[in-house]
Amino acid sequence: MYQPPAFREDRLDVLHGLMRAHPLAMLVTAGEGGLMANLIPFLIDPVGAEKGLLRAHLARANDQVAALRAGSEAMVLFQGPNAYVTPNWYATKAETHKVVPTWNYITVHAWGTPRVLDSGEWLRRQVGELTDENEKAQAHAWRVDDAPEPFVAAQLKGIVGLEIPISRIEGKWKVSQNRPAADRERVIDGFRQLDHPMAELIAERHRGDAE
């Protein structure tokens, strides 16, 4: 990943936080069929490996399973909030007009050697934990046990499990750090008027730079 120093993020807890907040990630592999990519929801176990352990499941019929079983390195891309930044928001526009549009975003890339698991017990636990994590916001959370057991067992036969111990991880928070303070303030105001989460991401980094 291209990481200018101003945008680089190396804190493991911050990287894991983005993974939890945006668990649907792009799983990329390179096998005999060439490059393949699929969107897969992941769980992050922060203590399962030195840099964290990614856990997921995918359809047994998915062509990517063959590449995963081969054991070649896989890459997982997590994408957080992103947004176009108009030059009209910059205070420096009125001063010099030497401004251009850009795009703000946050992202985490993780690499590791995948392990494919067929254990029914592992799959049941994985599906249960993934469901519980994503049902937390519901007033009446649905649980895997709410479905008939024979139905659940049949569904589990159609998937395989996946573990990726993270061997390398990179983060990039491109949130206007390279702009003067006056420009950042105007960009924050612009995004707040749009009720966009990018406003608070910029404000958080802006406060950090000021401390």
C-alpha atoms as a PDB file:
ATOM      1  CA  MET A   1       0.000   0.000   0.000  1.00  0.00           C
ATOM      2  CA  TYR A   2       1.194   3.531  -0.748  1.00  0.00           C
ATOM      3  CA  GLN A   3       1.661   5.081   2.695  1.00  0.00           C
ATOM      4  CA  PRO A   4       2.907   8.673   2.923  1.00  0.00           C
ATOM      5  CA  PRO A   5       4.067   9.196   6.531  1.00  0.00           C
ATOM      6  CA  ALA A   6       1.204  11.584   7.340  1.00  0.00           C
ATOM      7  CA  PHE A   7      -1.374   8.899   6.546  1.00  0.00           C
ATOM      8  CA  ARG A   8       0.332   5.837   8.019  1.00  0.00           C
ATOM      9  CA  GLU A   9      -1.361   4.016  10.910  1.00  0.00           C
ATOM     10  CA  ASP A  10       0.559   1.292  12.765  1.00  0.00           C
ATOM     11  CA  ARG A  11      -1.285   0.980  16.104  1.00  0.00           C
ATOM     12  CA  LEU A  12      -2.611  -2.556  16.258  1.00  0.00           C
ATOM     13  CA  ASP A  13      -5.603  -1.691  18.455  1.00  0.00           C
ATOM     14  CA  VAL A  14      -6.684   1.006  15.985  1.00  0.00           C
ATOM     15  CA  LEU A  15      -6.301  -1.370  13.021  1.00  0.00           C
ATOM     16  CA  HIS A  16      -8.285  -4.092  14.792  1.00  0.00           C
ATOM     17  CA  GLY A  17     -10.926  -1.497  15.698  1.00  0.00           C
ATOM     18  CA  LEU A  18     -11.548  -0.724  12.038  1.00  0.00           C
ATOM     19  CA  MET A  19     -11.792  -4.449  11.252  1.00  0.00           C
ATOM     20  CA  ARG A  20     -14.469  -4.867  13.925  1.00  0.00           C
ATOM     21  CA  ALA A  21     -16.395  -1.801  12.825  1.00  0.00           C
ATOM     22  CA  HIS A  22     -16.288  -2.789   9.124  1.00  0.00           C
ATOM     23  CA  PRO A  23     -16.087  -6.598   9.082  1.00  0.00           C
ATOM     24  CA  LEU A  24     -17.094  -7.148   5.432  1.00  0.00           C
ATOM     25  CA  ALA A  25     -13.713  -7.363   3.710  1.00  0.00           C
ATOM     26  CA  MET A  26     -12.284  -8.302   0.324  1.00  0.00           C
ATOM     27  CA  LEU A  27     -10.473 -11.650   0.427  1.00  0.00           C
ATOM     28  CA  VAL A  28      -7.862 -11.806  -2.352  1.00  0.00           C
ATOM     29  CA  THR A  29      -5.940 -14.911  -3.428  1.00  0.00           C
ATOM     30  CA  ALA A  30      -3.707 -15.923  -6.323  1.00  0.00           C
ATOM     31  CA  GLY A  31      -4.025 -19.537  -7.464  1.00  0.00           C
ATOM     32  CA  GLU A  32      -3.958 -21.633 -10.614  1.00  0.00           C
ATOM     33  CA  GLY A  33      -6.993 -19.741 -11.869  1.00  0.00           C
ATOM     34  CA  GLY A  34      -5.267 -16.394 -11.360  1.00  0.00           C
ATOM     35  CA  LEU A  35      -6.315 -13.622  -9.005  1.00  0.00           C
ATOM     36  CA  MET A  36      -9.637 -14.102  -7.215  1.00  0.00           C
ATOM     37  CA  ALA A  37     -11.539 -11.856  -4.810  1.00  0.00           C
ATOM     38  CA  ASN A  38     -14.676 -12.246  -2.712  1.00  0.00           C
ATOM     39  CA  LEU A  39     -16.396 -10.107  -0.094  1.00  0.00           C
ATOM     40  CA  ILE A  40     -16.443 -12.087   3.164  1.00  0.00           C
ATOM     41  CA  PRO A  41     -17.447 -11.017   6.721  1.00  0.00           C
ATOM     42  CA  PHE A  42     -14.590 -11.604   9.177  1.00  0.00           C
ATOM     43  CA  LEU A  43     -14.103 -11.794  12.918  1.00  0.00           C
ATOM     44  CA  ILE A  44     -10.801 -10.622  14.424  1.00  0.00           C
ATOM     45  CA  ASP A  45      -9.340 -12.508  17.376  1.00  0.00           C
ATOM     46  CA  PRO A  46      -6.675 -10.137  18.766  1.00  0.00           C
ATOM     47  CA  VAL A  47      -4.854 -12.855  20.730  1.00  0.00           C
ATOM     48  CA  GLY A  48      -5.140 -15.753  18.283  1.00  0.00           C
ATOM     49  CA  ALA A  49      -1.822 -14.768  16.680  1.00  0.00           C
ATOM     50  CA  GLU A  50       0.852 -12.124  17.297  1.00  0.00           C
ATOM     51  CA  LYS A  51      -0.861  -9.565  15.031  1.00  0.00           C
ATOM     52  CA  GLY A  52      -4.334 -11.085  15.328  1.00  0.00           C
ATOM     53  CA  LEU A  53      -6.226 -13.994  13.814  1.00  0.00           C
ATOM     54  CA  LEU A  54      -8.889 -13.517  11.148  1.00  0.00           C
ATOM     55  CA  ARG A  55     -11.760 -16.020  11.125  1.00  0.00           C
ATOM     56  CA  ALA A  56     -14.480 -16.458   8.508  1.00  0.00           C
ATOM     57  CA  HIS A  57     -16.468 -18.969   6.504  1.00  0.00           C
ATOM     58  CA  LEU A  58     -17.443 -19.210   2.853  1.00  0.00           C
ATOM     59  CA  ALA A  59     -19.432 -21.470   0.564  1.00  0.00           C
ATOM     60  CA  ARG A  60     -17.857 -24.873  -0.005  1.00  0.00           C
ATOM     61  CA  ALA A  61     -18.700 -24.471  -3.720  1.00  0.00           C
ATOM     62  CA  ASN A  62     -16.786 -21.187  -3.969  1.00  0.00           C
ATOM     63  CA  ASP A  63     -13.953 -21.555  -6.509  1.00  0.00           C
ATOM     64  CA  GLN A  64     -11.674 -19.600  -4.182  1.00  0.00           C
ATOM     65  CA  VAL A  65     -11.599 -22.480  -1.699  1.00  0.00           C
ATOM     66  CA  ALA A  66      -9.113 -24.367  -3.904  1.00  0.00           C
ATOM     67  CA  ALA A  67      -6.659 -21.456  -3.786  1.00  0.00           C
ATOM     68  CA  LEU A  68      -7.114 -21.185  -0.019  1.00  0.00           C
ATOM     69  CA  ARG A  69      -6.470 -24.902   0.473  1.00  0.00           C
ATOM     70  CA  ALA A  70      -3.256 -24.579  -1.562  1.00  0.00           C
ATOM     71  CA  GLY A  71      -1.882 -22.464   1.276  1.00  0.00           C
ATOM     72  CA  SER A  72      -0.539 -19.517  -0.699  1.00  0.00           C
ATOM     73  CA  GLU A  73      -0.534 -16.137   1.018  1.00  0.00           C
ATOM     74  CA  ALA A  74      -3.907 -14.368   1.073  1.00  0.00           C
ATOM     75  CA  MET A  75      -4.659 -10.670   1.401  1.00  0.00           C
ATOM     76  CA  VAL A  76      -7.697  -9.211   3.176  1.00  0.00           C
ATOM     77  CA  LEU A  77      -8.747  -5.598   2.572  1.00  0.00           C
ATOM     78  CA  PHE A  78     -10.953  -3.786   5.089  1.00  0.00           C
ATOM     79  CA  GLN A  79     -12.502  -0.489   3.986  1.00  0.00           C
ATOM     80  CA  GLY A  80     -13.843   2.129   6.374  1.00  0.00           C
ATOM     81  CA  PRO A  81     -15.704   5.366   5.626  1.00  0.00           C
ATOM     82  CA  ASN A  82     -14.661   7.233   2.486  1.00  0.00           C
ATOM     83  CA  ALA A  83     -15.776  10.431   0.803  1.00  0.00           C
ATOM     84  CA  TYR A  84     -14.988  12.906  -1.950  1.00  0.00           C
ATOM     85  CA  VAL A  85     -13.518  16.228  -0.755  1.00  0.00           C
ATOM     86  CA  THR A  86     -14.462  19.310  -2.772  1.00  0.00           C
ATOM     87  CA  PRO A  87     -11.889  22.124  -3.080  1.00  0.00           C
ATOM     88  CA  ASN A  88     -14.729  24.557  -2.357  1.00  0.00           C
ATOM     89  CA  TRP A  89     -14.368  23.705   1.326  1.00  0.00           C
ATOM     90  CA  TYR A  90     -10.718  24.789   1.559  1.00  0.00           C
ATOM     91  CA  ALA A  91      -9.964  28.161   3.137  1.00  0.00           C
ATOM     92  CA  THR A  92      -6.901  28.385   0.884  1.00  0.00           C
ATOM     93  CA  LYS A  93      -9.128  28.351  -2.218  1.00  0.00           C
ATOM     94  CA  ALA A  94     -10.008  32.014  -1.646  1.00  0.00           C
ATOM     95  CA  GLU A  95      -6.345  32.868  -1.079  1.00  0.00           C
ATOM     96  CA  THR A  96      -4.515  31.124  -3.938  1.00  0.00           C
ATOM     97  CA  HIS A  97      -6.988  28.957  -5.915  1.00  0.00           C
ATOM     98  CA  LYS A  98      -4.174  26.375  -5.949  1.00  0.00           C
ATOM     99  CA  VAL A  99      -6.382  23.519  -4.751  1.00  0.00           C
ATOM    100  CA  VAL A 100      -7.649  20.273  -6.262  1.00  0.00           C
ATOM    101  CA  PRO A 101     -10.264  17.671  -5.267  1.00  0.00           C
ATOM    102  CA  THR A 102      -9.255  14.555  -3.362  1.00  0.00           C
ATOM    103  CA  TRP A 103     -10.757  11.512  -1.681  1.00  0.00           C
ATOM    104  CA  ASN A 104     -10.546  10.766   2.034  1.00  0.00           C
ATOM    105  CA  TYR A 105     -10.671   7.176   3.284  1.00  0.00           C
ATOM    106  CA  ILE A 106      -9.452   4.734   5.907  1.00  0.00           C
ATOM    107  CA  THR A 107      -8.360   1.191   5.118  1.00  0.00           C
ATOM    108  CA  VAL A 108      -6.520  -1.787   6.587  1.00  0.00           C
ATOM    109  CA  HIS A 109      -4.709  -4.466   4.581  1.00  0.00           C
ATOM    110  CA  ALA A 110      -3.770  -7.767   6.222  1.00  0.00           C
ATOM    111  CA  TRP A 111      -1.762 -10.703   4.877  1.00  0.00           C
ATOM    112  CA  GLY A 112      -1.354 -14.267   6.062  1.00  0.00           C
ATOM    113  CA  THR A 113      -1.282 -17.937   5.123  1.00  0.00           C
ATOM    114  CA  PRO A 114      -4.852 -19.316   5.158  1.00  0.00           C
ATOM    115  CA  ARG A 115      -6.039 -22.501   6.827  1.00  0.00           C
ATOM    116  CA  VAL A 116      -9.250 -24.115   5.590  1.00  0.00           C
ATOM    117  CA  LEU A 117     -11.254 -25.971   8.253  1.00  0.00           C
ATOM    118  CA  ASP A 118     -13.987 -28.563   7.753  1.00  0.00           C
ATOM    119  CA  SER A 119     -14.812 -29.242  11.394  1.00  0.00           C
ATOM    120  CA  GLY A 120     -18.543 -29.021  12.066  1.00  0.00           C
ATOM    121  CA  GLU A 121     -17.852 -27.950  15.655  1.00  0.00           C
ATOM    122  CA  TRP A 122     -15.569 -25.097  14.489  1.00  0.00           C
ATOM    123  CA  LEU A 123     -18.090 -23.976  11.887  1.00  0.00           C
ATOM    124  CA  ARG A 124     -20.967 -23.968  14.371  1.00  0.00           C
ATOM    125  CA  ARG A 125     -18.954 -21.830  16.785  1.00  0.00           C
ATOM    126  CA  GLN A 126     -17.838 -19.459  14.016  1.00  0.00           C
ATOM    127  CA  VAL A 127     -21.338 -18.942  12.627  1.00  0.00           C
ATOM    128  CA  GLY A 128     -22.696 -18.444  16.140  1.00  0.00           C
ATOM    129  CA  GLU A 129     -20.073 -15.859  17.118  1.00  0.00           C
ATOM    130  CA  LEU A 130     -20.386 -13.969  13.831  1.00  0.00           C
ATOM    131  CA  THR A 131     -24.166 -13.884  14.213  1.00  0.00           C
ATOM    132  CA  ASP A 132     -24.025 -12.784  17.852  1.00  0.00           C
ATOM    133  CA  GLU A 133     -21.577  -9.988  17.012  1.00  0.00           C
ATOM    134  CA  ASN A 134     -23.781  -8.586  14.272  1.00  0.00           C
ATOM    135  CA  GLU A 135     -27.095  -9.037  16.097  1.00  0.00           C
ATOM    136  CA  LYS A 136     -26.007  -6.910  19.076  1.00  0.00           C
ATOM    137  CA  ALA A 137     -27.801  -3.823  17.769  1.00  0.00           C
ATOM    138  CA  GLN A 138     -31.134  -5.637  17.462  1.00  0.00           C
ATOM    139  CA  ALA A 139     -33.764  -5.204  20.156  1.00  0.00           C
ATOM    140  CA  HIS A 140     -34.459  -8.941  19.996  1.00  0.00           C
ATOM    141  CA  ALA A 141     -31.295 -10.596  18.773  1.00  0.00           C
ATOM    142  CA  TRP A 142     -31.631 -13.650  16.542  1.00  0.00           C
ATOM    143  CA  ARG A 143     -29.455 -16.608  17.464  1.00  0.00           C
ATOM    144  CA  VAL A 144     -28.416 -19.639  15.461  1.00  0.00           C
ATOM    145  CA  ASP A 145     -30.239 -21.817  18.016  1.00  0.00           C
ATOM    146  CA  ASP A 146     -33.498 -20.144  16.940  1.00  0.00           C
ATOM    147  CA  ALA A 147     -33.408 -22.166  13.700  1.00  0.00           C
ATOM    148  CA  PRO A 148     -34.284 -25.891  13.653  1.00  0.00           C
ATOM    149  CA  GLU A 149     -31.210 -28.012  14.404  1.00  0.00           C
ATOM    150  CA  PRO A 150     -31.523 -30.266  11.281  1.00  0.00           C
ATOM    151  CA  PHE A 151     -31.731 -27.124   9.125  1.00  0.00           C
ATOM    152  CA  VAL A 152     -28.616 -25.620  10.742  1.00  0.00           C
ATOM    153  CA  ALA A 153     -26.697 -28.880  10.355  1.00  0.00           C
ATOM    154  CA  ALA A 154     -27.580 -29.022   6.659  1.00  0.00           C
ATOM    155  CA  GLN A 155     -26.480 -25.414   6.151  1.00  0.00           C
ATOM    156  CA  LEU A 156     -23.138 -26.050   7.854  1.00  0.00           C
ATOM    157  CA  LYS A 157     -22.375 -28.828   5.381  1.00  0.00           C
ATOM    158  CA  GLY A 158     -22.395 -26.249   2.604  1.00  0.00           C
ATOM    159  CA  ILE A 159     -19.596 -24.082   4.033  1.00  0.00           C
ATOM    160  CA  VAL A 160     -15.940 -24.304   5.017  1.00  0.00           C
ATOM    161  CA  GLY A 161     -14.107 -22.412   7.725  1.00  0.00           C
ATOM    162  CA  LEU A 162     -11.161 -20.097   7.276  1.00  0.00           C
ATOM    163  CA  GLU A 163      -8.425 -18.899   9.618  1.00  0.00           C
ATOM    164  CA  ILE A 164      -5.721 -16.431   8.623  1.00  0.00           C
ATOM    165  CA  PRO A 165      -3.044 -15.683  11.235  1.00  0.00           C
ATOM    166  CA  ILE A 166      -1.958 -12.151  10.331  1.00  0.00           C
ATOM    167  CA  SER A 167       1.728 -12.047   9.389  1.00  0.00           C
ATOM    168  CA  ARG A 168       1.720  -8.465   8.098  1.00  0.00           C
ATOM    169  CA  ILE A 169      -0.729  -5.600   8.519  1.00  0.00           C
ATOM    170  CA  GLU A 170      -0.858  -2.015   7.241  1.00  0.00           C
ATOM    171  CA  GLY A 171      -3.255   0.840   7.861  1.00  0.00           C
ATOM    172  CA  LYS A 172      -3.882   4.115   6.092  1.00  0.00           C
ATOM    173  CA  TRP A 173      -5.974   6.982   7.479  1.00  0.00           C
ATOM    174  CA  LYS A 174      -6.150   9.590   4.702  1.00  0.00           C
ATOM    175  CA  VAL A 175      -8.230  12.197   6.500  1.00  0.00           C
ATOM    176  CA  SER A 176      -6.894  15.604   5.424  1.00  0.00           C
ATOM    177  CA  GLN A 177      -3.781  15.511   7.654  1.00  0.00           C
ATOM    178  CA  ASN A 178      -1.766  17.085   4.820  1.00  0.00           C
ATOM    179  CA  ARG A 179      -3.953  20.216   4.715  1.00  0.00           C
ATOM    180  CA  PRO A 180      -3.448  23.405   6.762  1.00  0.00           C
ATOM    181  CA  ALA A 181      -5.468  23.638   9.972  1.00  0.00           C
ATOM    182  CA  ALA A 182      -7.892  26.168   8.464  1.00  0.00           C
ATOM    183  CA  ASP A 183      -8.621  23.844   5.554  1.00  0.00           C
ATOM    184  CA  ARG A 184      -9.221  20.892   7.860  1.00  0.00           C
ATOM    185  CA  GLU A 185     -11.666  22.888   9.941  1.00  0.00           C
ATOM    186  CA  ARG A 186     -13.619  23.819   6.826  1.00  0.00           C
ATOM    187  CA  VAL A 187     -13.625  20.207   5.607  1.00  0.00           C
ATOM    188  CA  ILE A 188     -14.907  19.042   9.007  1.00  0.00           C
ATOM    189  CA  ASP A 189     -17.711  21.621   8.818  1.00  0.00           C
ATOM    190  CA  GLY A 190     -18.559  20.520   5.287  1.00  0.00           C
ATOM    191  CA  PHE A 191     -18.878  16.874   6.259  1.00  0.00           C
ATOM    192  CA  ARG A 192     -20.862  17.714   9.383  1.00  0.00           C
ATOM    193  CA  GLN A 193     -23.411  19.510   7.217  1.00  0.00           C
ATOM    194  CA  LEU A 194     -23.689  16.266   5.242  1.00  0.00           C
ATOM    195  CA  ASP A 195     -23.931  14.237   8.480  1.00  0.00           C
ATOM    196  CA  HIS A 196     -21.026  12.122   7.201  1.00  0.00           C
ATOM    197  CA  PRO A 197     -18.810  10.059   9.581  1.00  0.00           C
ATOM    198  CA  MET A 198     -15.719  11.462   7.856  1.00  0.00           C
ATOM    199  CA  ALA A 199     -16.194  14.674   9.882  1.00  0.00           C
ATOM    200  CA  GLU A 200     -15.357  12.979  13.182  1.00  0.00           C
ATOM    201  CA  LEU A 201     -12.503  10.959  11.691  1.00  0.00           C
ATOM    202  CA  ILE A 202     -10.836  14.192  10.558  1.00  0.00           C
ATOM    203  CA  ALA A 203     -11.625  15.934  13.850  1.00  0.00           C
ATOM    204  CA  GLU A 204     -10.090  13.075  15.845  1.00  0.00           C
ATOM    205  CA  ARG A 205      -6.808  13.296  13.925  1.00  0.00           C
ATOM    206  CA  HIS A 206      -6.930  17.093  13.994  1.00  0.00           C
ATOM    207  CA  ARG A 207      -7.163  17.019  17.806  1.00  0.00           C
ATOM    208  CA  GLY A 208      -4.327  14.506  17.961  1.00  0.00           C
ATOM    209  CA  ASP A 209      -2.043  16.764  15.935  1.00  0.00           C
ATOM    210  CA  ALA A 210      -2.847  19.707  18.207  1.00  0.00           C
ATOM    211  CA  GLU A 211      -1.964  17.828  21.415  1.00  0.00           C
END
